[in-house]
Amino acid sequence: MEYTVQKLAKLAGVSTRTLRYYDEIGILKPARINSSGYRIYGQAEVDKLQQILFYRELGVSLADIKEIINSPSFNPADALREHHKKLLKKRKQLDLLIANVEKTINSIEGRIKMTDKEKFEGFKQEIIAENEKKFGREIRKKYGDKAIDRSNEKLRKMTREQYNAAENLAKQIMEILAEAFKTGDPAGDLAQKAAELHKQWLTYYWPEYSKEAHAGLAQMYVDDERFKAYYDKEQPGTAAFLRDAILIYTGLQK
């Protein structure tokens, strides 16, 4: 069966503008253009659009989707299995969040009493879900699913005291980093102290530490606009300064 832009958009629940944009950027080309100049899509394009929408649901960028589905090694069946696996994981996270929200509502309305431990468990799950939504694609691509899953599990097992210690350490890092930035010397004592504290902070969340991973994360702070904006919000250039300090600290400066 063949579809025009309008019919395919209605079938897939997207706008015709989205399909035209996908054509423009080369992520989903029509099978052909008919004599009247209309885009015509066949079964192959319908299946490809399904894959695209699956990836979009998981928060993958269009640039990454284009690279994935246009790769010679792309296998639709394997991709669907991976989608299924990730959706099940996402459902589990959502179920935990929903259960915690329901408990919290009942607690506020006096129907049940929620312990501090239960509240904290829900809070940690919210952090994991938010991190996955914001950065999951990038960090899983960089470090692998196994490493990220182990990191999430370590956060789940973290005590309130450990979490508070990590939060206090994060504040200390930013304070020292601000002072170190004023010196302009990433190899100086203050900058190297910030790098050391940053390593200590990572050990609260990472199952194991490596200099290479530390340096890679520091580079991500510069390359990813979201991280860069966080570090540069008070003093532009701080993200690059921290990266340089960490590269010197780890001995991986090029």
Protein backbone atom coordinates (compact mmCIF):
# COMPACT_ATOMS: atom_id res chain seq x y z
CA MET A 1 0.00 0.00 0.00
CA GLU A 2 1.19 3.52 -0.77
CA TYR A 3 0.58 6.73 1.16
CA THR A 4 0.68 10.44 0.44
CA VAL A 5 2.20 12.78 3.02
CA GLN A 6 -1.23 13.54 4.42
CA LYS A 7 -2.26 9.89 4.74
CA LEU A 8 1.04 8.76 6.27
CA ALA A 9 1.00 11.66 8.73
CA LYS A 10 -2.49 10.70 9.86
CA LEU A 11 -1.53 7.02 10.14
CA ALA A 12 1.59 7.74 12.21
CA GLY A 13 0.14 10.54 14.32
CA VAL A 14 2.68 13.13 13.18
CA SER A 15 2.33 16.35 11.22
CA THR A 16 2.85 16.65 7.48
CA ARG A 17 5.45 19.27 8.28
CA THR A 18 7.43 16.65 10.24
CA LEU A 19 7.45 14.27 7.27
CA ARG A 20 8.55 17.03 4.91
CA TYR A 21 11.32 17.97 7.32
CA TYR A 22 12.45 14.33 7.56
CA ASP A 23 12.67 14.34 3.76
CA GLU A 24 14.69 17.57 3.76
CA ILE A 25 17.29 16.28 6.21
CA GLY A 26 17.52 12.89 4.51
CA ILE A 27 16.27 10.75 7.37
CA LEU A 28 13.10 9.58 5.58
CA LYS A 29 12.87 10.01 1.82
CA PRO A 30 9.65 9.13 -0.05
CA ALA A 31 9.70 6.09 -2.32
CA ARG A 32 8.95 8.33 -5.28
CA ILE A 33 7.44 11.60 -6.43
CA ASN A 34 4.32 11.12 -8.59
CA SER A 35 3.44 13.01 -11.77
CA SER A 36 1.59 15.64 -9.73
CA GLY A 37 4.67 16.31 -7.60
CA TYR A 38 3.36 14.58 -4.46
CA ARG A 39 5.59 12.53 -2.17
CA ILE A 40 4.56 8.86 -2.18
CA TYR A 41 5.60 6.46 0.61
CA GLY A 42 5.62 2.67 0.45
CA GLN A 43 5.84 -0.11 3.04
CA ALA A 44 9.61 0.26 3.46
CA GLU A 45 9.18 3.93 4.35
CA VAL A 46 6.34 3.13 6.76
CA ASP A 47 8.57 0.62 8.56
CA LYS A 48 11.45 3.10 8.63
CA LEU A 49 9.19 5.81 10.08
CA GLN A 50 8.15 3.39 12.83
CA GLN A 51 11.83 2.92 13.74
CA ILE A 52 12.39 6.68 13.74
CA LEU A 53 9.44 7.27 16.06
CA PHE A 54 10.61 4.51 18.40
CA TYR A 55 13.99 6.19 18.70
CA ARG A 56 12.39 9.61 19.19
CA GLU A 57 10.28 8.18 22.03
CA LEU A 58 13.52 7.09 23.69
CA GLY A 59 14.93 10.62 23.38
CA VAL A 60 17.45 9.96 20.61
CA SER A 61 18.38 13.01 18.51
CA LEU A 62 17.51 13.11 14.82
CA ALA A 63 21.19 13.32 13.92
CA ASP A 64 21.90 10.11 15.83
CA ILE A 65 18.83 8.38 14.40
CA LYS A 66 19.93 9.23 10.86
CA GLU A 67 23.35 7.77 11.56
CA ILE A 68 21.88 4.61 13.09
CA ILE A 69 19.23 3.73 10.52
CA ASN A 70 21.38 4.63 7.52
CA SER A 71 24.26 2.47 8.71
CA PRO A 72 25.00 -0.54 6.48
CA SER A 73 24.94 -2.74 9.59
CA PHE A 74 21.47 -1.58 10.67
CA ASN A 75 19.18 -4.53 11.35
CA PRO A 76 15.47 -3.70 11.91
CA ALA A 77 14.81 -6.88 13.94
CA ASP A 78 17.77 -6.27 16.24
CA ALA A 79 16.73 -2.63 16.60
CA LEU A 80 13.23 -3.66 17.65
CA ARG A 81 14.62 -6.07 20.23
CA GLU A 82 16.73 -3.25 21.64
CA HIS A 83 13.70 -0.90 21.63
CA HIS A 84 11.70 -3.54 23.50
CA LYS A 85 14.43 -3.96 26.11
CA LYS A 86 14.73 -0.21 26.71
CA LEU A 87 10.98 0.33 26.83
CA LEU A 88 10.62 -2.38 29.47
CA LYS A 89 13.31 -0.66 31.52
CA LYS A 90 11.57 2.68 31.04
CA ARG A 91 8.25 1.14 32.11
CA LYS A 92 9.86 -0.24 35.27
CA GLN A 93 11.23 3.21 36.12
CA LEU A 94 7.84 4.83 35.48
CA ASP A 95 6.05 2.19 37.58
CA LEU A 96 8.38 2.94 40.49
CA LEU A 97 7.83 6.68 40.11
CA ILE A 98 4.05 6.29 39.87
CA ALA A 99 4.00 4.09 42.97
CA ASN A 100 6.05 6.64 44.90
CA VAL A 101 3.87 9.56 43.79
CA GLU A 102 0.74 7.65 44.83
CA LYS A 103 2.29 6.88 48.22
CA THR A 104 3.25 10.53 48.66
CA ILE A 105 -0.28 11.72 47.83
CA ASN A 106 -1.76 9.24 50.32
CA SER A 107 0.77 10.35 52.91
CA ILE A 108 -0.04 14.04 52.44
CA GLU A 109 -3.76 13.33 52.67
CA GLY A 110 -3.24 11.31 55.85
CA ARG A 111 -4.27 7.87 54.59
CA ILE A 112 -0.85 6.33 55.16
CA LYS A 113 2.39 7.25 56.88
CA MET A 114 5.38 7.33 54.57
CA THR A 115 8.79 6.75 56.11
CA ASP A 116 11.74 9.01 55.34
CA LYS A 117 13.45 6.01 53.76
CA GLU A 118 10.52 5.50 51.35
CA LYS A 119 10.55 9.19 50.44
CA PHE A 120 14.28 9.07 49.79
CA GLU A 121 13.98 5.92 47.66
CA GLY A 122 11.44 7.69 45.46
CA PHE A 123 13.63 10.78 45.27
CA LYS A 124 16.60 8.72 44.03
CA GLN A 125 14.43 7.05 41.41
CA GLU A 126 13.32 10.48 40.18
CA ILE A 127 16.97 11.52 39.80
CA ILE A 128 17.73 8.40 37.77
CA ALA A 129 14.69 8.93 35.52
CA GLU A 130 15.54 12.59 34.96
CA ASN A 131 19.18 11.82 34.16
CA GLU A 132 18.14 9.13 31.70
CA LYS A 133 15.76 11.56 30.01
CA LYS A 134 18.32 14.36 29.74
CA PHE A 135 21.60 12.54 29.19
CA GLY A 136 20.85 8.83 28.79
CA ARG A 137 21.56 8.61 25.07
CA GLU A 138 24.89 10.45 25.25
CA ILE A 139 26.32 8.77 28.33
CA ARG A 140 25.21 5.29 27.30
CA LYS A 141 26.79 5.80 23.90
CA LYS A 142 30.01 7.01 25.54
CA TYR A 143 30.31 4.58 28.47
CA GLY A 144 28.02 1.68 27.52
CA ASP A 145 24.79 0.33 29.02
CA LYS A 146 26.54 -1.87 31.58
CA ALA A 147 28.49 0.99 33.14
CA ILE A 148 25.45 3.27 33.34
CA ASP A 149 23.22 0.53 34.76
CA ARG A 150 25.84 -0.15 37.46
CA SER A 151 26.04 3.56 38.23
CA ASN A 152 22.25 3.79 38.57
CA GLU A 153 22.27 0.78 40.87
CA LYS A 154 24.93 2.41 43.05
CA LEU A 155 22.71 5.50 43.37
CA ARG A 156 19.74 3.31 44.33
CA LYS A 157 21.81 1.82 47.17
CA MET A 158 23.12 5.18 48.36
CA THR A 159 22.18 6.19 51.90
CA ARG A 160 20.86 9.64 52.72
CA GLU A 161 24.13 10.41 54.53
CA GLN A 162 26.15 9.46 51.44
CA TYR A 163 23.89 11.53 49.21
CA ASN A 164 24.20 14.57 51.47
CA ALA A 165 27.99 14.15 51.52
CA ALA A 166 28.06 14.02 47.72
CA GLU A 167 25.88 17.14 47.48
CA ASN A 168 28.12 19.05 49.92
CA LEU A 169 31.15 17.95 47.93
CA ALA A 170 29.56 19.23 44.70
CA LYS A 171 29.04 22.66 46.30
CA GLN A 172 32.62 22.69 47.54
CA ILE A 173 33.89 21.88 44.04
CA MET A 174 32.01 24.82 42.53
CA GLU A 175 33.28 27.21 45.20
CA ILE A 176 36.92 26.18 44.77
CA LEU A 177 36.57 26.07 40.99
CA ALA A 178 35.32 29.66 40.96
CA GLU A 179 38.39 30.79 42.90
CA ALA A 180 40.73 28.68 40.77
CA PHE A 181 39.27 30.13 37.58
CA LYS A 182 40.32 33.61 38.69
CA THR A 183 43.97 32.47 38.76
CA GLY A 184 43.78 31.38 35.13
CA ASP A 185 46.04 28.42 35.91
CA PRO A 186 44.49 24.93 35.52
CA ALA A 187 47.74 23.43 36.83
CA GLY A 188 47.68 25.54 39.99
CA ASP A 189 47.00 24.24 43.50
CA LEU A 190 43.39 25.44 43.62
CA ALA A 191 42.50 23.99 40.21
CA GLN A 192 44.13 20.67 41.05
CA LYS A 193 42.27 20.57 44.36
CA ALA A 194 39.02 21.06 42.44
CA ALA A 195 39.99 18.17 40.14
CA GLU A 196 40.76 15.93 43.13
CA LEU A 197 37.44 16.77 44.77
CA HIS A 198 35.70 16.11 41.47
CA LYS A 199 37.24 12.64 41.47
CA GLN A 200 35.99 12.08 45.03
CA TRP A 201 32.51 13.22 43.98
CA LEU A 202 32.49 10.77 41.06
CA THR A 203 33.26 7.85 43.36
CA TYR A 204 29.87 8.36 45.01
CA TYR A 205 28.17 7.62 41.69
CA TRP A 206 30.58 5.54 39.63
CA PRO A 207 31.03 1.83 40.45
CA GLU A 208 34.72 2.24 39.63
CA TYR A 209 37.02 5.12 38.72
CA SER A 210 39.41 5.42 35.81
CA LYS A 211 41.50 8.35 34.63
CA GLU A 212 40.32 7.82 31.07
CA ALA A 213 36.65 8.00 32.01
CA HIS A 214 37.30 11.06 34.18
CA ALA A 215 39.03 12.83 31.30
CA GLY A 216 36.24 11.79 28.91
CA LEU A 217 33.59 13.25 31.20
CA ALA A 218 35.57 16.48 31.47
CA GLN A 219 35.61 16.76 27.69
CA MET A 220 31.86 16.16 27.63
CA TYR A 221 31.42 19.16 29.92
CA VAL A 222 32.80 21.28 27.07
CA ASP A 223 31.26 19.47 24.10
CA ASP A 224 27.70 19.18 25.47
CA GLU A 225 25.96 22.56 25.63
CA ARG A 226 23.84 21.51 28.61
CA PHE A 227 26.87 20.74 30.78
CA LYS A 228 28.75 23.74 29.44
CA ALA A 229 25.88 26.07 30.30
CA TYR A 230 25.82 24.71 33.87
CA TYR A 231 29.51 25.36 34.51
CA ASP A 232 29.69 28.60 32.53
CA LYS A 233 26.58 30.23 34.01
CA GLU A 234 28.56 32.43 36.42
CA GLN A 235 31.92 32.66 34.61
CA PRO A 236 32.07 31.78 30.89
CA GLY A 237 35.01 29.49 30.19
CA THR A 238 34.75 27.57 33.46
CA ALA A 239 33.82 24.29 31.75
CA ALA A 240 36.96 24.41 29.59
CA PHE A 241 39.04 25.41 32.62
CA LEU A 242 37.75 22.45 34.62
CA ARG A 243 38.43 20.12 31.69
CA ASP A 244 42.01 21.36 31.43
CA ALA A 245 42.49 20.96 35.19
CA ILE A 246 41.18 17.38 35.08
CA LEU A 247 43.33 16.50 32.05
CA ILE A 248 46.37 17.72 33.95
CA TYR A 249 45.24 15.88 37.12
CA THR A 250 44.78 12.61 35.26
CA GLY A 251 47.99 13.02 33.29
CA LEU A 252 46.06 12.77 30.03
CA GLN A 253 46.66 16.25 28.74
CA LYS A 254 47.52 16.18 25.04
